[in-house]
Amino acid sequence: MRRAVLAAAVLTAAALLGGVAGCAGKEPNIDLNGWKLTLPEANDKGRAKEVKPAEVTEPWMTVTEDGSLEFWAPTSGGATTPNSTHPRSELISLTEWPAGQEAHILRTSVTVKQVPRDGNGIIVGQIHGAAAIRSVAFVMLRWKHDALLLDVKTIQKGTDRIVYQLLGGIPLNSRFDFTIADRGNGEMVLTAAHQGRRGEIRTRIPAVFAGQPVRFQAGDYQQADRPEGEGDGGRIVVHQLAEAVEQPGGPPGPPSPGVRISVNPAELEPGWPPRIRPQPAAQTLGPGPQPAPRPGRQPAPQSVPRPGPQPAPQSAPHPVPQSAPR
């Protein structure tokens, strides 16, 4: 217990040194009713602590001067949820619905201020599994290398997913808007807008998630795989956050093109479209360069037939019909 308290104190001090502590006593302009908050602090079981209902909790979620919410999540030293290795400061909706069967939308406005030094970015919004599949990620919107990337998992266990670029050209400290919508007709639509530019992705609910319980999540779910110590982490500001239930949409439109990937995200090169990092030669799959022959006796070269009259081709024997088995 003393170690957990000490670790929390160290994390708190690092967070306060790394950014603004927030405006004490000021109320956020975001309605936190219907949300709970996951923290990188340990509960009595050593896992990420939850605050339910969500409330301002320094230094992880604080209020800025204009009433927005600022989130901070360190890359190391913080507690995690049972099926993750990444500490987070993230809001989780208390509203659940069957994926693809009800229309729900999340509207958010965000500024990314700091990202982990290893370049893996921050997941700023999700549709996540709930209830019986609460440990399963589903739809993840990630800010990475000045772009918003969308991951849609196609299986519940494993890493198979389709990746899309929703919108590029979004630098640090520049506000952008996004929406995540389940249209209730088997289709999802995600949009993003930044300085007059807009991106939209339409995709179908994968069969393994259709009808399964899901919920929205939003905040600072940093994705560092190589933490770099004190001060390394993710920091974002959420200016607006609103969840709503809508009328189901009409027939789904044509899905947007994406890139199907079946590898760990850490194996992807930066940029778009995603590329898999080269593996060491010993791990390379499929045909590759053949090893050079060892020195020693070499096989005799094959003789090349001289030009001249060639023997007449032999006629192929006629197949003998076989009786069908009785």
Protein backbone atom coordinates (compact mmCIF):
# COMPACT_ATOMS: atom_id res chain seq x y z
CA MET A 1 0.00 0.00 0.00
CA ARG A 2 2.86 2.41 0.90
CA ARG A 3 4.47 1.69 -2.49
CA ALA A 4 1.19 2.45 -4.31
CA VAL A 5 0.81 5.74 -2.40
CA LEU A 6 4.42 6.69 -3.13
CA ALA A 7 4.06 5.84 -6.82
CA ALA A 8 0.89 7.94 -7.05
CA ALA A 9 2.70 10.86 -5.39
CA VAL A 10 5.61 10.64 -7.83
CA LEU A 11 3.24 10.49 -10.82
CA THR A 12 1.27 13.44 -9.52
CA ALA A 13 4.42 15.54 -9.05
CA ALA A 14 5.65 14.66 -12.54
CA ALA A 15 2.30 15.60 -14.04
CA LEU A 16 2.19 18.94 -12.27
CA LEU A 17 5.72 19.74 -13.44
CA GLY A 18 4.84 18.72 -17.00
CA GLY A 19 1.75 20.87 -17.44
CA VAL A 20 -0.86 23.14 -15.94
CA ALA A 21 -2.44 21.87 -12.74
CA GLY A 22 -5.82 23.22 -13.78
CA CYS A 23 -8.12 25.91 -12.43
CA ALA A 24 -9.07 24.77 -8.95
CA GLY A 25 -12.77 25.06 -8.21
CA LYS A 26 -13.78 25.91 -11.77
CA GLU A 27 -16.61 23.83 -13.25
CA PRO A 28 -16.09 22.23 -16.69
CA ASN A 29 -18.36 23.20 -19.57
CA ILE A 30 -18.73 19.49 -20.37
CA ASP A 31 -21.52 17.52 -18.74
CA LEU A 32 -19.93 14.53 -16.99
CA ASN A 33 -23.24 12.91 -16.07
CA GLY A 34 -23.41 9.47 -17.66
CA TRP A 35 -19.62 8.97 -17.67
CA LYS A 36 -17.04 7.33 -15.44
CA LEU A 37 -13.30 8.07 -15.44
CA THR A 38 -10.43 5.58 -15.69
CA LEU A 39 -7.18 6.77 -14.08
CA PRO A 40 -3.54 5.67 -14.19
CA GLU A 41 -3.69 5.29 -10.40
CA ALA A 42 -3.88 1.86 -8.80
CA ASN A 43 -6.94 0.64 -6.93
CA ASP A 44 -6.73 -1.82 -4.03
CA LYS A 45 -6.19 -4.65 -6.55
CA GLY A 46 -3.33 -2.89 -8.32
CA ARG A 47 -5.37 -2.12 -11.45
CA ALA A 48 -6.47 1.21 -12.92
CA LYS A 49 -8.77 3.10 -10.58
CA GLU A 50 -12.23 4.25 -11.70
CA VAL A 51 -14.10 7.36 -10.57
CA LYS A 52 -17.85 6.85 -10.91
CA PRO A 53 -19.54 9.13 -11.70
CA ALA A 54 -16.71 10.99 -13.40
CA GLU A 55 -15.41 14.15 -11.74
CA VAL A 56 -12.39 16.41 -12.03
CA THR A 57 -9.41 14.52 -10.59
CA GLU A 58 -6.01 16.23 -10.49
CA PRO A 59 -3.63 15.83 -12.16
CA TRP A 60 -5.25 13.38 -14.58
CA MET A 61 -8.33 15.35 -15.63
CA THR A 62 -8.40 19.05 -14.85
CA VAL A 63 -10.34 22.13 -15.94
CA THR A 64 -8.71 24.78 -18.12
CA GLU A 65 -9.42 28.50 -17.98
CA ASP A 66 -12.11 28.25 -20.67
CA GLY A 67 -13.85 25.30 -18.99
CA SER A 68 -12.41 22.57 -21.22
CA LEU A 69 -11.04 19.32 -19.78
CA GLU A 70 -7.31 18.60 -19.94
CA PHE A 71 -6.19 14.97 -19.72
CA TRP A 72 -2.72 13.68 -18.81
CA ALA A 73 -1.53 10.05 -19.01
CA PRO A 74 2.10 9.03 -18.36
CA THR A 75 3.76 6.31 -20.41
CA SER A 76 5.30 4.56 -17.42
CA GLY A 77 4.62 4.06 -13.74
CA GLY A 78 0.84 4.24 -14.08
CA ALA A 79 -1.68 1.49 -13.40
CA THR A 80 -3.45 -0.13 -16.36
CA THR A 81 -6.68 -1.98 -17.02
CA PRO A 82 -6.44 -5.82 -16.97
CA ASN A 83 -5.97 -6.30 -20.73
CA SER A 84 -3.80 -3.29 -21.55
CA THR A 85 -0.19 -2.23 -21.01
CA HIS A 86 -0.89 1.47 -21.58
CA PRO A 87 -1.88 3.79 -18.70
CA ARG A 88 -4.78 6.07 -19.60
CA SER A 89 -6.94 8.96 -18.39
CA GLU A 90 -10.16 8.23 -20.24
CA LEU A 91 -13.87 8.79 -19.90
CA ILE A 92 -16.12 5.74 -20.35
CA SER A 93 -19.79 6.15 -21.18
CA LEU A 94 -22.32 4.41 -18.92
CA THR A 95 -24.67 4.02 -21.91
CA GLU A 96 -24.42 0.67 -23.70
CA TRP A 97 -26.20 -0.49 -26.86
CA PRO A 98 -26.14 -3.46 -29.29
CA ALA A 99 -23.72 -2.61 -32.09
CA GLY A 100 -25.42 -1.94 -35.41
CA GLN A 101 -28.94 -2.11 -33.97
CA GLU A 102 -29.34 1.34 -32.37
CA ALA A 103 -28.18 4.74 -33.60
CA HIS A 104 -25.72 6.51 -31.28
CA ILE A 105 -23.31 9.37 -32.00
CA LEU A 106 -20.38 10.94 -30.16
CA ARG A 107 -19.41 14.54 -31.03
CA THR A 108 -16.04 15.74 -29.76
CA SER A 109 -13.63 18.63 -30.17
CA VAL A 110 -9.98 18.00 -29.20
CA THR A 111 -6.51 19.54 -29.16
CA VAL A 112 -3.52 17.19 -28.86
CA LYS A 113 -0.79 18.98 -26.90
CA GLN A 114 1.78 16.25 -26.21
CA VAL A 115 2.33 12.72 -27.51
CA PRO A 116 4.57 9.88 -26.31
CA ARG A 117 8.14 10.21 -27.57
CA ASP A 118 8.13 6.85 -29.36
CA GLY A 119 5.61 8.21 -31.89
CA ASN A 120 2.77 5.73 -31.32
CA GLY A 121 0.27 8.47 -30.65
CA ILE A 122 -2.92 8.65 -28.60
CA ILE A 123 -6.32 7.04 -29.02
CA VAL A 124 -8.73 9.95 -28.50
CA GLY A 125 -12.07 8.19 -29.13
CA GLN A 126 -13.47 4.66 -29.26
CA ILE A 127 -16.44 2.40 -29.62
CA HIS A 128 -15.43 -0.27 -27.15
CA GLY A 129 -16.87 -3.59 -26.11
CA ALA A 130 -19.04 -3.56 -22.98
CA ALA A 131 -20.59 -6.05 -20.55
CA ALA A 132 -19.49 -9.57 -21.57
CA ILE A 133 -16.90 -8.19 -24.05
CA ARG A 134 -15.78 -5.18 -21.99
CA SER A 135 -12.12 -6.15 -22.44
CA VAL A 136 -12.39 -6.10 -26.27
CA ALA A 137 -11.40 -3.02 -28.26
CA PHE A 138 -13.48 -2.45 -31.39
CA VAL A 139 -13.26 0.97 -33.10
CA MET A 140 -10.25 3.17 -32.24
CA LEU A 141 -9.57 6.71 -33.47
CA ARG A 142 -5.88 7.50 -33.06
CA TRP A 143 -3.93 10.75 -33.52
CA LYS A 144 -0.51 9.77 -34.89
CA HIS A 145 2.05 11.73 -36.92
CA ASP A 146 -0.33 14.67 -37.54
CA ALA A 147 -3.12 12.41 -38.82
CA LEU A 148 -6.28 10.80 -37.51
CA LEU A 149 -6.19 7.04 -38.17
CA LEU A 150 -9.14 4.72 -37.71
CA ASP A 151 -8.71 1.09 -36.64
CA VAL A 152 -11.71 -1.24 -36.94
CA LYS A 153 -11.09 -4.70 -35.53
CA THR A 154 -12.53 -7.60 -37.52
CA ILE A 155 -12.10 -10.25 -34.81
CA GLN A 156 -12.60 -10.21 -31.05
CA LYS A 157 -9.37 -12.06 -30.22
CA GLY A 158 -6.22 -11.08 -32.09
CA THR A 159 -5.03 -8.03 -34.02
CA ASP A 160 -6.76 -8.41 -37.41
CA ARG A 161 -8.27 -5.08 -38.35
CA ILE A 162 -8.85 -2.58 -41.14
CA VAL A 163 -7.02 0.75 -40.95
CA TYR A 164 -8.17 3.98 -42.58
CA GLN A 165 -6.79 7.49 -42.69
CA LEU A 166 -9.65 9.76 -41.70
CA LEU A 167 -7.87 13.13 -42.01
CA GLY A 168 -4.24 14.28 -42.24
CA GLY A 169 -2.49 17.58 -41.65
CA ILE A 170 -3.49 18.03 -37.99
CA PRO A 171 -0.43 19.28 -36.07
CA LEU A 172 0.04 19.43 -32.32
CA ASN A 173 -1.74 22.27 -30.53
CA SER A 174 -4.34 22.62 -33.29
CA ARG A 175 -7.99 22.03 -32.49
CA PHE A 176 -10.04 19.57 -34.55
CA ASP A 177 -13.51 18.04 -34.38
CA PHE A 178 -14.62 14.45 -34.87
CA THR A 179 -17.76 12.33 -34.70
CA ILE A 180 -18.18 8.60 -34.25
CA ALA A 181 -21.62 7.29 -35.22
CA ASP A 182 -23.28 3.88 -35.19
CA ARG A 183 -26.21 4.52 -37.55
CA GLY A 184 -28.23 1.56 -36.24
CA ASN A 185 -28.41 -0.02 -39.71
CA GLY A 186 -25.21 -2.05 -39.67
CA GLU A 187 -23.09 0.93 -40.74
CA MET A 188 -20.65 3.22 -38.92
CA VAL A 189 -19.77 6.72 -40.11
CA LEU A 190 -16.82 8.69 -38.73
CA THR A 191 -16.03 12.29 -39.64
CA ALA A 192 -13.27 14.76 -38.81
CA ALA A 193 -12.85 18.47 -39.53
CA HIS A 194 -9.83 20.76 -39.22
CA GLN A 195 -9.51 24.33 -40.50
CA GLY A 196 -12.10 23.94 -43.23
CA ARG A 197 -11.02 20.46 -44.37
CA ARG A 198 -13.19 17.41 -43.75
CA GLY A 199 -12.74 13.65 -43.86
CA GLU A 200 -15.37 10.89 -43.73
CA ILE A 201 -15.15 7.11 -43.44
CA ARG A 202 -18.08 4.72 -43.91
CA THR A 203 -17.64 1.12 -42.86
CA ARG A 204 -19.80 -1.86 -41.94
CA ILE A 205 -20.12 -3.39 -38.48
CA PRO A 206 -18.03 -6.60 -38.62
CA ALA A 207 -20.17 -9.71 -38.13
CA VAL A 208 -18.38 -10.69 -34.90
CA PHE A 209 -19.48 -7.39 -33.30
CA ALA A 210 -23.00 -7.08 -34.73
CA GLY A 211 -25.50 -7.07 -31.86
CA GLN A 212 -22.75 -7.16 -29.20
CA PRO A 213 -22.85 -4.67 -26.30
CA VAL A 214 -20.66 -1.60 -26.89
CA ARG A 215 -20.09 1.90 -25.48
CA PHE A 216 -18.22 5.12 -26.25
CA GLN A 217 -14.88 6.04 -24.68
CA ALA A 218 -13.01 9.33 -25.06
CA GLY A 219 -9.92 10.94 -23.61
CA ASP A 220 -6.19 10.24 -23.40
CA TYR A 221 -5.37 6.60 -24.07
CA GLN A 222 -1.67 6.99 -24.92
CA GLN A 223 -0.12 4.14 -26.93
CA ALA A 224 3.60 4.21 -26.14
CA ASP A 225 5.30 0.82 -26.48
CA ARG A 226 8.72 2.20 -25.47
CA PRO A 227 8.21 4.51 -22.47
CA GLU A 228 10.98 7.05 -21.99
CA GLY A 229 10.66 7.93 -18.34
CA GLU A 230 9.53 10.97 -16.40
CA GLY A 231 7.61 13.56 -18.40
CA ASP A 232 6.88 11.18 -21.28
CA GLY A 233 3.17 10.79 -21.91
CA GLY A 234 0.06 12.05 -23.63
CA ARG A 235 -1.71 15.32 -22.96
CA ILE A 236 -4.90 16.44 -24.72
CA VAL A 237 -7.63 19.01 -24.21
CA VAL A 238 -11.27 18.07 -24.81
CA HIS A 239 -13.24 21.22 -25.57
CA GLN A 240 -16.59 19.59 -26.30
CA LEU A 241 -18.01 16.13 -25.64
CA ALA A 242 -21.60 15.06 -26.21
CA GLU A 243 -23.25 11.68 -26.73
CA ALA A 244 -26.71 11.36 -28.29
CA VAL A 245 -29.21 8.74 -29.45
CA GLU A 246 -30.53 9.29 -32.97
CA GLN A 247 -32.99 7.75 -35.41
CA PRO A 248 -31.58 4.77 -37.34
CA GLY A 249 -30.19 5.65 -40.75
CA GLY A 250 -31.36 4.45 -44.14
CA PRO A 251 -29.65 1.81 -46.26
CA PRO A 252 -25.86 1.73 -45.76
CA GLY A 253 -23.74 3.50 -48.36
CA PRO A 254 -20.68 2.04 -50.09
CA PRO A 255 -17.87 1.38 -47.59
CA SER A 256 -14.68 3.43 -47.73
CA PRO A 257 -11.45 1.72 -48.85
CA GLY A 258 -9.09 0.73 -46.08
CA VAL A 259 -5.95 -1.34 -45.53
CA ARG A 260 -6.43 -4.78 -43.95
CA ILE A 261 -3.69 -5.53 -41.41
CA SER A 262 -2.97 -8.64 -39.34
CA VAL A 263 0.07 -7.53 -37.32
CA ASN A 264 0.81 -5.79 -34.05
CA PRO A 265 0.53 -1.97 -34.38
CA ALA A 266 4.13 -1.67 -33.08
CA GLU A 267 5.34 -3.40 -36.27
CA LEU A 268 3.95 -0.66 -38.53
CA GLU A 269 6.10 2.02 -40.10
CA PRO A 270 5.00 5.64 -39.56
CA GLY A 271 3.01 7.33 -42.30
CA TRP A 272 0.27 6.31 -44.67
CA PRO A 273 -0.48 3.81 -46.07
CA PRO A 274 0.80 1.63 -43.22
CA ARG A 275 3.78 -0.57 -44.02
CA ILE A 276 5.15 -3.48 -42.03
CA ARG A 277 8.66 -2.97 -40.69
CA PRO A 278 11.25 -5.33 -42.27
CA GLN A 279 11.92 -8.36 -40.09
CA PRO A 280 15.36 -9.94 -39.52
CA ALA A 281 16.33 -12.43 -42.22
CA ALA A 282 15.84 -15.38 -39.90
CA GLN A 283 12.21 -14.38 -39.40
CA THR A 284 11.37 -13.53 -43.01
CA LEU A 285 8.39 -15.48 -44.29
CA GLY A 286 8.02 -16.81 -47.81
CA PRO A 287 10.59 -17.22 -50.57
CA GLY A 288 13.68 -15.06 -50.40
CA PRO A 289 17.25 -14.90 -51.66
CA GLN A 290 18.90 -18.32 -51.83
CA PRO A 291 22.18 -18.82 -49.95
CA ALA A 292 25.35 -18.78 -52.03
CA PRO A 293 26.79 -22.25 -52.70
CA ARG A 294 29.59 -23.35 -50.42
CA PRO A 295 33.06 -23.63 -51.96
CA GLY A 296 33.94 -27.14 -53.12
CA ARG A 297 33.14 -29.50 -55.92
CA GLN A 298 30.53 -28.03 -58.26
CA PRO A 299 28.10 -30.09 -60.33
CA ALA A 300 29.06 -30.59 -63.98
CA PRO A 301 27.33 -28.19 -66.35
CA GLN A 302 24.50 -29.60 -68.37
CA SER A 303 25.22 -30.05 -72.09
CA VAL A 304 23.21 -27.89 -74.46
CA PRO A 305 21.72 -29.84 -77.40
CA ARG A 306 23.24 -28.94 -80.73
CA PRO A 307 21.05 -27.60 -83.48
CA GLY A 308 19.95 -30.11 -86.04
CA PRO A 309 17.07 -32.42 -86.89
CA GLN A 310 15.01 -33.28 -83.83
CA PRO A 311 13.39 -36.69 -83.27
CA ALA A 312 9.70 -36.88 -84.13
CA PRO A 313 7.46 -36.34 -81.14
CA GLN A 314 5.98 -39.46 -79.63
CA SER A 315 2.22 -39.72 -79.65
CA ALA A 316 0.71 -39.78 -76.20
CA PRO A 317 -0.91 -43.09 -75.26
CA HIS A 318 -4.70 -43.07 -75.25
CA PRO A 319 -6.08 -43.33 -71.73
CA VAL A 320 -7.74 -46.60 -70.93
CA PRO A 321 -11.27 -45.99 -69.62
CA GLN A 322 -11.75 -47.14 -66.05
CA SER A 323 -14.99 -48.57 -64.87
CA ALA A 324 -16.74 -46.55 -62.18
CA PRO A 325 -16.75 -48.15 -58.75
CA ARG A 326 -19.94 -49.91 -57.96
